[in-house]
Amino acid sequence: MKDIEFKVEGMVCNGCENRVKNALKNINGVKDVEANYTTGIVKVTSTDEVSENTLKEKVEDIGFEVVKED
């Protein structure tokens, strides 16, 4: 298992949190998702087979922006 954490822009309410959580939970291998719209932080616990890029692409597919790290 591994934990992946990244920042997302565009979550403004509990509904946004739930959209992100539900989208990520539907990815095979994702075990748990936490999303916080006030901080923009998304934390995912998954099997080693799930890549960070897969998670970020899914978030962007549903209309949110993943903050790029410098």
PDB file of N, CA and C in Angstrom:
ATOM      1  N   MET A   1       0.837  -1.184   0.000  1.00  0.00           N
ATOM      2  CA  MET A   1       0.000   0.000   0.000  1.00  0.00           C
ATOM      3  C   MET A   1       0.875   1.238   0.000  1.00  0.00           C
ATOM      4  N   LYS A   2       0.340   2.283  -0.584  1.00  0.00           N
ATOM      5  CA  LYS A   2       1.054   3.553  -0.567  1.00  0.00           C
ATOM      6  C   LYS A   2       0.053   4.687  -0.407  1.00  0.00           C
ATOM      7  N   ASP A   3       0.556   5.798   0.127  1.00  0.00           N
ATOM      8  CA  ASP A   3      -0.248   6.998   0.303  1.00  0.00           C
ATOM      9  C   ASP A   3       0.250   8.058  -0.662  1.00  0.00           C
ATOM     10  N   ILE A   4      -0.684   8.691  -1.352  1.00  0.00           N
ATOM     11  CA  ILE A   4      -0.366   9.757  -2.288  1.00  0.00           C
ATOM     12  C   ILE A   4      -1.161  10.986  -1.870  1.00  0.00           C
ATOM     13  N   GLU A   5      -0.490  12.119  -1.829  1.00  0.00           N
ATOM     14  CA  GLU A   5      -1.151  13.357  -1.445  1.00  0.00           C
ATOM     15  C   GLU A   5      -0.849  14.416  -2.494  1.00  0.00           C
ATOM     16  N   PHE A   6      -1.892  15.158  -2.894  1.00  0.00           N
ATOM     17  CA  PHE A   6      -1.687  16.257  -3.839  1.00  0.00           C
ATOM     18  C   PHE A   6      -2.743  17.321  -3.604  1.00  0.00           C
ATOM     19  N   LYS A   7      -2.499  18.504  -4.183  1.00  0.00           N
ATOM     20  CA  LYS A   7      -3.386  19.642  -3.979  1.00  0.00           C
ATOM     21  C   LYS A   7      -4.238  19.856  -5.221  1.00  0.00           C
ATOM     22  N   VAL A   8      -5.519  20.178  -4.968  1.00  0.00           N
ATOM     23  CA  VAL A   8      -6.490  20.372  -6.038  1.00  0.00           C
ATOM     24  C   VAL A   8      -7.133  21.744  -5.888  1.00  0.00           C
ATOM     25  N   GLU A   9      -7.245  22.471  -7.002  1.00  0.00           N
ATOM     26  CA  GLU A   9      -7.946  23.741  -6.996  1.00  0.00           C
ATOM     27  C   GLU A   9      -9.333  23.552  -7.589  1.00  0.00           C
ATOM     28  N   GLY A  10     -10.278  24.329  -7.077  1.00  0.00           N
ATOM     29  CA  GLY A  10     -11.625  24.306  -7.637  1.00  0.00           C
ATOM     30  C   GLY A  10     -12.656  23.641  -6.751  1.00  0.00           C
ATOM     31  N   MET A  11     -12.221  22.970  -5.684  1.00  0.00           N
ATOM     32  CA  MET A  11     -13.193  22.388  -4.746  1.00  0.00           C
ATOM     33  C   MET A  11     -13.676  23.517  -3.836  1.00  0.00           C
ATOM     34  N   VAL A  12     -14.974  23.793  -3.858  1.00  0.00           N
ATOM     35  CA  VAL A  12     -15.508  24.918  -3.082  1.00  0.00           C
ATOM     36  C   VAL A  12     -16.569  24.514  -2.061  1.00  0.00           C
ATOM     37  N   CYS A  13     -16.917  23.227  -2.025  1.00  0.00           N
ATOM     38  CA  CYS A  13     -17.974  22.797  -1.103  1.00  0.00           C
ATOM     39  C   CYS A  13     -17.873  21.293  -0.843  1.00  0.00           C
ATOM     40  N   ASN A  14     -18.735  20.816   0.046  1.00  0.00           N
ATOM     41  CA  ASN A  14     -18.768  19.374   0.333  1.00  0.00           C
ATOM     42  C   ASN A  14     -19.118  18.553  -0.892  1.00  0.00           C
ATOM     43  N   GLY A  15     -19.949  19.096  -1.756  1.00  0.00           N
ATOM     44  CA  GLY A  15     -20.311  18.391  -2.986  1.00  0.00           C
ATOM     45  C   GLY A  15     -19.090  18.149  -3.865  1.00  0.00           C
ATOM     46  N   CYS A  16     -18.204  19.156  -3.924  1.00  0.00           N
ATOM     47  CA  CYS A  16     -16.963  19.003  -4.699  1.00  0.00           C
ATOM     48  C   CYS A  16     -16.093  17.909  -4.091  1.00  0.00           C
ATOM     49  N   GLU A  17     -15.974  17.929  -2.773  1.00  0.00           N
ATOM     50  CA  GLU A  17     -15.216  16.871  -2.090  1.00  0.00           C
ATOM     51  C   GLU A  17     -15.753  15.509  -2.476  1.00  0.00           C
ATOM     52  N   ASN A  18     -17.065  15.363  -2.421  1.00  0.00           N
ATOM     53  CA  ASN A  18     -17.680  14.064  -2.717  1.00  0.00           C
ATOM     54  C   ASN A  18     -17.465  13.649  -4.163  1.00  0.00           C
ATOM     55  N   ARG A  19     -17.506  14.599  -5.100  1.00  0.00           N
ATOM     56  CA  ARG A  19     -17.246  14.266  -6.507  1.00  0.00           C
ATOM     57  C   ARG A  19     -15.843  13.711  -6.669  1.00  0.00           C
ATOM     58  N   VAL A  20     -14.869  14.364  -6.028  1.00  0.00           N
ATOM     59  CA  VAL A  20     -13.480  13.910  -6.116  1.00  0.00           C
ATOM     60  C   VAL A  20     -13.335  12.538  -5.466  1.00  0.00           C
ATOM     61  N   LYS A  21     -13.872  12.380  -4.271  1.00  0.00           N
ATOM     62  CA  LYS A  21     -13.776  11.094  -3.564  1.00  0.00           C
ATOM     63  C   LYS A  21     -14.386   9.967  -4.383  1.00  0.00           C
ATOM     64  N   ASN A  22     -15.597  10.174  -4.874  1.00  0.00           N
ATOM     65  CA  ASN A  22     -16.286   9.116  -5.618  1.00  0.00           C
ATOM     66  C   ASN A  22     -15.561   8.758  -6.907  1.00  0.00           C
ATOM     67  N   ALA A  23     -15.034   9.756  -7.596  1.00  0.00           N
ATOM     68  CA  ALA A  23     -14.313   9.482  -8.845  1.00  0.00           C
ATOM     69  C   ALA A  23     -13.067   8.655  -8.573  1.00  0.00           C
ATOM     70  N   LEU A  24     -12.333   9.020  -7.525  1.00  0.00           N
ATOM     71  CA  LEU A  24     -11.099   8.299  -7.226  1.00  0.00           C
ATOM     72  C   LEU A  24     -11.361   6.909  -6.653  1.00  0.00           C
ATOM     73  N   LYS A  25     -12.423   6.768  -5.866  1.00  0.00           N
ATOM     74  CA  LYS A  25     -12.745   5.452  -5.297  1.00  0.00           C
ATOM     75  C   LYS A  25     -13.120   4.445  -6.380  1.00  0.00           C
ATOM     76  N   ASN A  26     -13.553   4.939  -7.538  1.00  0.00           N
ATOM     77  CA  ASN A  26     -13.923   4.047  -8.634  1.00  0.00           C
ATOM     78  C   ASN A  26     -12.721   3.498  -9.395  1.00  0.00           C
ATOM     79  N   ILE A  27     -11.533   3.982  -9.082  1.00  0.00           N
ATOM     80  CA  ILE A  27     -10.322   3.463  -9.730  1.00  0.00           C
ATOM     81  C   ILE A  27      -9.924   2.168  -9.032  1.00  0.00           C
ATOM     82  N   ASN A  28      -9.716   1.139  -9.837  1.00  0.00           N
ATOM     83  CA  ASN A  28      -9.340  -0.167  -9.293  1.00  0.00           C
ATOM     84  C   ASN A  28      -8.022  -0.053  -8.533  1.00  0.00           C
ATOM     85  N   GLY A  29      -8.012  -0.492  -7.288  1.00  0.00           N
ATOM     86  CA  GLY A  29      -6.812  -0.451  -6.466  1.00  0.00           C
ATOM     87  C   GLY A  29      -6.818   0.652  -5.426  1.00  0.00           C
ATOM     88  N   VAL A  30      -7.746   1.611  -5.558  1.00  0.00           N
ATOM     89  CA  VAL A  30      -7.842   2.684  -4.563  1.00  0.00           C
ATOM     90  C   VAL A  30      -8.607   2.146  -3.359  1.00  0.00           C
ATOM     91  N   LYS A  31      -8.015   2.273  -2.184  1.00  0.00           N
ATOM     92  CA  LYS A  31      -8.615   1.741  -0.958  1.00  0.00           C
ATOM     93  C   LYS A  31      -9.337   2.806  -0.143  1.00  0.00           C
ATOM     94  N   ASP A  32      -8.785   4.032  -0.104  1.00  0.00           N
ATOM     95  CA  ASP A  32      -9.402   5.091   0.694  1.00  0.00           C
ATOM     96  C   ASP A  32      -9.038   6.437   0.089  1.00  0.00           C
ATOM     97  N   VAL A  33      -9.987   7.391   0.211  1.00  0.00           N
ATOM     98  CA  VAL A  33      -9.761   8.742  -0.292  1.00  0.00           C
ATOM     99  C   VAL A  33     -10.256   9.735   0.744  1.00  0.00           C
ATOM    100  N   GLU A  34      -9.439  10.734   1.018  1.00  0.00           N
ATOM    101  CA  GLU A  34      -9.853  11.876   1.832  1.00  0.00           C
ATOM    102  C   GLU A  34      -9.671  13.112   0.971  1.00  0.00           C
ATOM    103  N   ALA A  35     -10.670  13.999   0.986  1.00  0.00           N
ATOM    104  CA  ALA A  35     -10.566  15.265   0.256  1.00  0.00           C
ATOM    105  C   ALA A  35     -11.076  16.367   1.173  1.00  0.00           C
ATOM    106  N   ASN A  36     -10.388  17.495   1.157  1.00  0.00           N
ATOM    107  CA  ASN A  36     -10.772  18.618   2.012  1.00  0.00           C
ATOM    108  C   ASN A  36     -10.831  19.864   1.146  1.00  0.00           C
ATOM    109  N   TYR A  37     -12.037  20.402   0.950  1.00  0.00           N
ATOM    110  CA  TYR A  37     -12.166  21.544   0.058  1.00  0.00           C
ATOM    111  C   TYR A  37     -11.571  22.823   0.637  1.00  0.00           C
ATOM    112  N   THR A  38     -11.494  22.931   1.957  1.00  0.00           N
ATOM    113  CA  THR A  38     -10.937  24.153   2.539  1.00  0.00           C
ATOM    114  C   THR A  38      -9.421  24.233   2.358  1.00  0.00           C
ATOM    115  N   THR A  39      -8.736  23.098   2.384  1.00  0.00           N
ATOM    116  CA  THR A  39      -7.282  23.090   2.179  1.00  0.00           C
ATOM    117  C   THR A  39      -6.913  22.716   0.741  1.00  0.00           C
ATOM    118  N   GLY A  40      -7.825  22.060   0.041  1.00  0.00           N
ATOM    119  CA  GLY A  40      -7.543  21.591  -1.312  1.00  0.00           C
ATOM    120  C   GLY A  40      -6.729  20.313  -1.350  1.00  0.00           C
ATOM    121  N   ILE A  41      -6.498  19.717  -0.193  1.00  0.00           N
ATOM    122  CA  ILE A  41      -5.652  18.516  -0.122  1.00  0.00           C
ATOM    123  C   ILE A  41      -6.483  17.248  -0.364  1.00  0.00           C
ATOM    124  N   VAL A  42      -5.953  16.393  -1.229  1.00  0.00           N
ATOM    125  CA  VAL A  42      -6.541  15.079  -1.490  1.00  0.00           C
ATOM    126  C   VAL A  42      -5.504  14.038  -1.090  1.00  0.00           C
ATOM    127  N   LYS A  43      -5.922  13.076  -0.272  1.00  0.00           N
ATOM    128  CA  LYS A  43      -5.048  11.985   0.165  1.00  0.00           C
ATOM    129  C   LYS A  43      -5.664  10.670  -0.289  1.00  0.00           C
ATOM    130  N   VAL A  44      -4.852   9.847  -0.923  1.00  0.00           N
ATOM    131  CA  VAL A  44      -5.328   8.577  -1.461  1.00  0.00           C
ATOM    132  C   VAL A  44      -4.452   7.449  -0.928  1.00  0.00           C
ATOM    133  N   THR A  45      -5.088   6.397  -0.438  1.00  0.00           N
ATOM    134  CA  THR A  45      -4.396   5.167  -0.075  1.00  0.00           C
ATOM    135  C   THR A  45      -4.740   4.144  -1.144  1.00  0.00           C
ATOM    136  N   SER A  46      -3.706   3.562  -1.746  1.00  0.00           N
ATOM    137  CA  SER A  46      -3.949   2.630  -2.852  1.00  0.00           C
ATOM    138  C   SER A  46      -2.898   1.532  -2.870  1.00  0.00           C
ATOM    139  N   THR A  47      -3.156   0.563  -3.717  1.00  0.00           N
ATOM    140  CA  THR A  47      -2.162  -0.470  -3.956  1.00  0.00           C
ATOM    141  C   THR A  47      -1.026   0.142  -4.771  1.00  0.00           C
ATOM    142  N   ASP A  48       0.091  -0.536  -4.811  1.00  0.00           N
ATOM    143  CA  ASP A  48       1.257  -0.016  -5.522  1.00  0.00           C
ATOM    144  C   ASP A  48       1.035   0.096  -7.030  1.00  0.00           C
ATOM    145  N   GLU A  49       0.036  -0.579  -7.552  1.00  0.00           N
ATOM    146  CA  GLU A  49      -0.203  -0.563  -8.996  1.00  0.00           C
ATOM    147  C   GLU A  49      -0.826   0.734  -9.481  1.00  0.00           C
ATOM    148  N   VAL A  50      -1.428   1.513  -8.594  1.00  0.00           N
ATOM    149  CA  VAL A  50      -2.097   2.751  -8.984  1.00  0.00           C
ATOM    150  C   VAL A  50      -1.056   3.864  -9.041  1.00  0.00           C
ATOM    151  N   SER A  51      -0.967   4.518 -10.202  1.00  0.00           N
ATOM    152  CA  SER A  51       0.027   5.581 -10.337  1.00  0.00           C
ATOM    153  C   SER A  51      -0.565   6.931  -9.915  1.00  0.00           C
ATOM    154  N   GLU A  52       0.310   7.810  -9.484  1.00  0.00           N
ATOM    155  CA  GLU A  52      -0.111   9.164  -9.104  1.00  0.00           C
ATOM    156  C   GLU A  52      -0.704   9.892 -10.310  1.00  0.00           C
ATOM    157  N   ASN A  53      -0.144   9.663 -11.484  1.00  0.00           N
ATOM    158  CA  ASN A  53      -0.665  10.302 -12.702  1.00  0.00           C
ATOM    159  C   ASN A  53      -2.091   9.873 -12.997  1.00  0.00           C
ATOM    160  N   THR A  54      -2.405   8.605 -12.782  1.00  0.00           N
ATOM    161  CA  THR A  54      -3.762   8.116 -12.998  1.00  0.00           C
ATOM    162  C   THR A  54      -4.743   8.862 -12.106  1.00  0.00           C
ATOM    163  N   LEU A  55      -4.373   9.050 -10.844  1.00  0.00           N
ATOM    164  CA  LEU A  55      -5.244   9.757  -9.907  1.00  0.00           C
ATOM    165  C   LEU A  55      -5.440  11.205 -10.324  1.00  0.00           C
ATOM    166  N   LYS A  56      -4.367  11.864 -10.679  1.00  0.00           N
ATOM    167  CA  LYS A  56      -4.445  13.275 -11.061  1.00  0.00           C
ATOM    168  C   LYS A  56      -5.244  13.468 -12.344  1.00  0.00           C
ATOM    169  N   GLU A  57      -5.067  12.570 -13.303  1.00  0.00           N
ATOM    170  CA  GLU A  57      -5.822  12.654 -14.553  1.00  0.00           C
ATOM    171  C   GLU A  57      -7.315  12.508 -14.291  1.00  0.00           C
ATOM    172  N   LYS A  58      -7.693  11.619 -13.389  1.00  0.00           N
ATOM    173  CA  LYS A  58      -9.106  11.416 -13.067  1.00  0.00           C
ATOM    174  C   LYS A  58      -9.700  12.685 -12.472  1.00  0.00           C
ATOM    175  N   VAL A  59      -8.960  13.327 -11.559  1.00  0.00           N
ATOM    176  CA  VAL A  59      -9.439  14.570 -10.947  1.00  0.00           C
ATOM    177  C   VAL A  59      -9.632  15.648 -12.011  1.00  0.00           C
ATOM    178  N   GLU A  60      -8.690  15.746 -12.945  1.00  0.00           N
ATOM    179  CA  GLU A  60      -8.814  16.745 -14.002  1.00  0.00           C
ATOM    180  C   GLU A  60      -9.935  16.400 -14.970  1.00  0.00           C
ATOM    181  N   ASP A  61     -10.184  15.115 -15.196  1.00  0.00           N
ATOM    182  CA  ASP A  61     -11.277  14.691 -16.081  1.00  0.00           C
ATOM    183  C   ASP A  61     -12.640  15.135 -15.567  1.00  0.00           C
ATOM    184  N   ILE A  62     -12.785  15.268 -14.236  1.00  0.00           N
ATOM    185  CA  ILE A  62     -14.092  15.673 -13.698  1.00  0.00           C
ATOM    186  C   ILE A  62     -14.171  17.177 -13.456  1.00  0.00           C
ATOM    187  N   GLY A  63     -13.160  17.912 -13.929  1.00  0.00           N
ATOM    188  CA  GLY A  63     -13.269  19.364 -13.945  1.00  0.00           C
ATOM    189  C   GLY A  63     -12.504  20.148 -12.904  1.00  0.00           C
ATOM    190  N   PHE A  64     -11.628  19.494 -12.180  1.00  0.00           N
ATOM    191  CA  PHE A  64     -10.824  20.205 -11.177  1.00  0.00           C
ATOM    192  C   PHE A  64      -9.382  20.301 -11.671  1.00  0.00           C
ATOM    193  N   GLU A  65      -8.628  21.201 -11.083  1.00  0.00           N
ATOM    194  CA  GLU A  65      -7.238  21.396 -11.500  1.00  0.00           C
ATOM    195  C   GLU A  65      -6.288  20.907 -10.421  1.00  0.00           C
ATOM    196  N   VAL A  66      -5.362  20.066 -10.819  1.00  0.00           N
ATOM    197  CA  VAL A  66      -4.327  19.601  -9.897  1.00  0.00           C
ATOM    198  C   VAL A  66      -3.216  20.643  -9.903  1.00  0.00           C
ATOM    199  N   VAL A  67      -2.819  21.081  -8.717  1.00  0.00           N
ATOM    200  CA  VAL A  67      -1.764  22.080  -8.602  1.00  0.00           C
ATOM    201  C   VAL A  67      -0.424  21.421  -8.912  1.00  0.00           C
ATOM    202  N   LYS A  68       0.279  21.994  -9.865  1.00  0.00           N
ATOM    203  CA  LYS A  68       1.594  21.470 -10.262  1.00  0.00           C
ATOM    204  C   LYS A  68       2.618  21.901  -9.217  1.00  0.00           C
ATOM    205  N   GLU A  69       3.466  20.972  -8.837  1.00  0.00           N
ATOM    206  CA  GLU A  69       4.508  21.262  -7.855  1.00  0.00           C
ATOM    207  C   GLU A  69       5.739  21.784  -8.567  1.00  0.00           C
ATOM    208  N   ASP A  70       6.377  22.771  -7.975  1.00  0.00           N
ATOM    209  CA  ASP A  70       7.583  23.364  -8.581  1.00  0.00           C
ATOM    210  C   ASP A  70       8.788  22.470  -8.419  1.00  0.00           C
TER     211      ASP A  70
END
